[in-house]
Amino acid sequence: MHIEISDGGPAATDGDWATSCTRGEHGRGLEIIDQLTAARGDRQEPGHVIHWADVDARA
């Protein structure tokens, strides 16, 4: 299964969520995605970023 998500790209600054917690409480998303997917990546398009992942649908 191929999944794509579009967003506006990286934020200019960290939000309150990042400044209010320790490093160990955030920043693990890509590691989790690596464990759950066969492949992942992203591509820049005008005005936004496309994040994609391929997931084994049989799992």
C-alpha atoms as a PDB file:
ATOM      1  CA  MET A   1       0.000   0.000   0.000  1.00  0.00           C
ATOM      2  CA  HIS A   2       1.333   3.468  -0.889  1.00  0.00           C
ATOM      3  CA  ILE A   3       0.403   6.376   1.412  1.00  0.00           C
ATOM      4  CA  GLU A   4       1.055  10.074   0.765  1.00  0.00           C
ATOM      5  CA  ILE A   5       0.527  13.059   3.062  1.00  0.00           C
ATOM      6  CA  SER A   6       0.974  16.683   2.052  1.00  0.00           C
ATOM      7  CA  ASP A   7       1.841  19.557   4.379  1.00  0.00           C
ATOM      8  CA  GLY A   8       3.279  23.045   4.241  1.00  0.00           C
ATOM      9  CA  GLY A   9       6.781  21.833   5.025  1.00  0.00           C
ATOM     10  CA  PRO A  10       8.997  22.491   8.026  1.00  0.00           C
ATOM     11  CA  ALA A  11       7.834  25.142  10.473  1.00  0.00           C
ATOM     12  CA  ALA A  12       9.934  28.301  10.704  1.00  0.00           C
ATOM     13  CA  THR A  13      10.326  27.770  14.473  1.00  0.00           C
ATOM     14  CA  ASP A  14       9.592  25.022  17.002  1.00  0.00           C
ATOM     15  CA  GLY A  15       6.122  25.310  18.468  1.00  0.00           C
ATOM     16  CA  ASP A  16       5.199  25.217  22.145  1.00  0.00           C
ATOM     17  CA  TRP A  17       4.952  21.423  21.961  1.00  0.00           C
ATOM     18  CA  ALA A  18       8.693  21.134  21.245  1.00  0.00           C
ATOM     19  CA  THR A  19       9.926  23.690  23.756  1.00  0.00           C
ATOM     20  CA  SER A  20       7.787  22.308  26.580  1.00  0.00           C
ATOM     21  CA  CYS A  21       9.250  18.773  26.594  1.00  0.00           C
ATOM     22  CA  THR A  22      12.618  17.062  26.686  1.00  0.00           C
ATOM     23  CA  ARG A  23      14.330  15.673  23.573  1.00  0.00           C
ATOM     24  CA  GLY A  24      13.376  12.154  24.636  1.00  0.00           C
ATOM     25  CA  GLU A  25       9.688  13.071  24.439  1.00  0.00           C
ATOM     26  CA  HIS A  26       9.623  13.931  20.737  1.00  0.00           C
ATOM     27  CA  GLY A  27      11.570  13.338  17.548  1.00  0.00           C
ATOM     28  CA  ARG A  28      10.972   9.589  17.232  1.00  0.00           C
ATOM     29  CA  GLY A  29       8.484   9.721  14.361  1.00  0.00           C
ATOM     30  CA  LEU A  30      10.850   8.816  11.532  1.00  0.00           C
ATOM     31  CA  GLU A  31      12.334   5.951  13.532  1.00  0.00           C
ATOM     32  CA  ILE A  32       8.838   4.531  14.063  1.00  0.00           C
ATOM     33  CA  ILE A  33       7.998   4.973  10.384  1.00  0.00           C
ATOM     34  CA  ASP A  34      11.229   3.161   9.413  1.00  0.00           C
ATOM     35  CA  GLN A  35      10.190   0.177  11.535  1.00  0.00           C
ATOM     36  CA  LEU A  36       6.656   0.009  10.104  1.00  0.00           C
ATOM     37  CA  THR A  37       7.264   0.614   6.402  1.00  0.00           C
ATOM     38  CA  ALA A  38       9.070  -1.034   3.518  1.00  0.00           C
ATOM     39  CA  ALA A  39      10.193   2.367   2.184  1.00  0.00           C
ATOM     40  CA  ARG A  40       9.581   6.057   2.838  1.00  0.00           C
ATOM     41  CA  GLY A  41      10.595   9.421   1.483  1.00  0.00           C
ATOM     42  CA  ASP A  42       9.472  12.907   0.628  1.00  0.00           C
ATOM     43  CA  ARG A  43       9.519  15.310  -2.259  1.00  0.00           C
ATOM     44  CA  GLN A  44       9.260  19.075  -2.490  1.00  0.00           C
ATOM     45  CA  GLU A  45       6.574  20.633  -4.627  1.00  0.00           C
ATOM     46  CA  PRO A  46       5.751  24.325  -4.976  1.00  0.00           C
ATOM     47  CA  GLY A  47       4.294  25.463  -1.641  1.00  0.00           C
ATOM     48  CA  HIS A  48       4.279  22.087   0.106  1.00  0.00           C
ATOM     49  CA  VAL A  49       6.021  18.804   0.829  1.00  0.00           C
ATOM     50  CA  ILE A  50       4.711  15.316   0.015  1.00  0.00           C
ATOM     51  CA  HIS A  51       5.688  12.638   2.568  1.00  0.00           C
ATOM     52  CA  TRP A  52       5.156   9.077   1.368  1.00  0.00           C
ATOM     53  CA  ALA A  53       5.468   5.533   2.717  1.00  0.00           C
ATOM     54  CA  ASP A  54       5.008   2.043   1.310  1.00  0.00           C
ATOM     55  CA  VAL A  55       3.436  -0.369   3.782  1.00  0.00           C
ATOM     56  CA  ASP A  56       3.132  -4.133   3.398  1.00  0.00           C
ATOM     57  CA  ALA A  57      -0.659  -4.512   3.459  1.00  0.00           C
ATOM     58  CA  ARG A  58      -0.315  -8.173   4.459  1.00  0.00           C
ATOM     59  CA  ALA A  59       1.260  -7.233   7.795  1.00  0.00           C
END
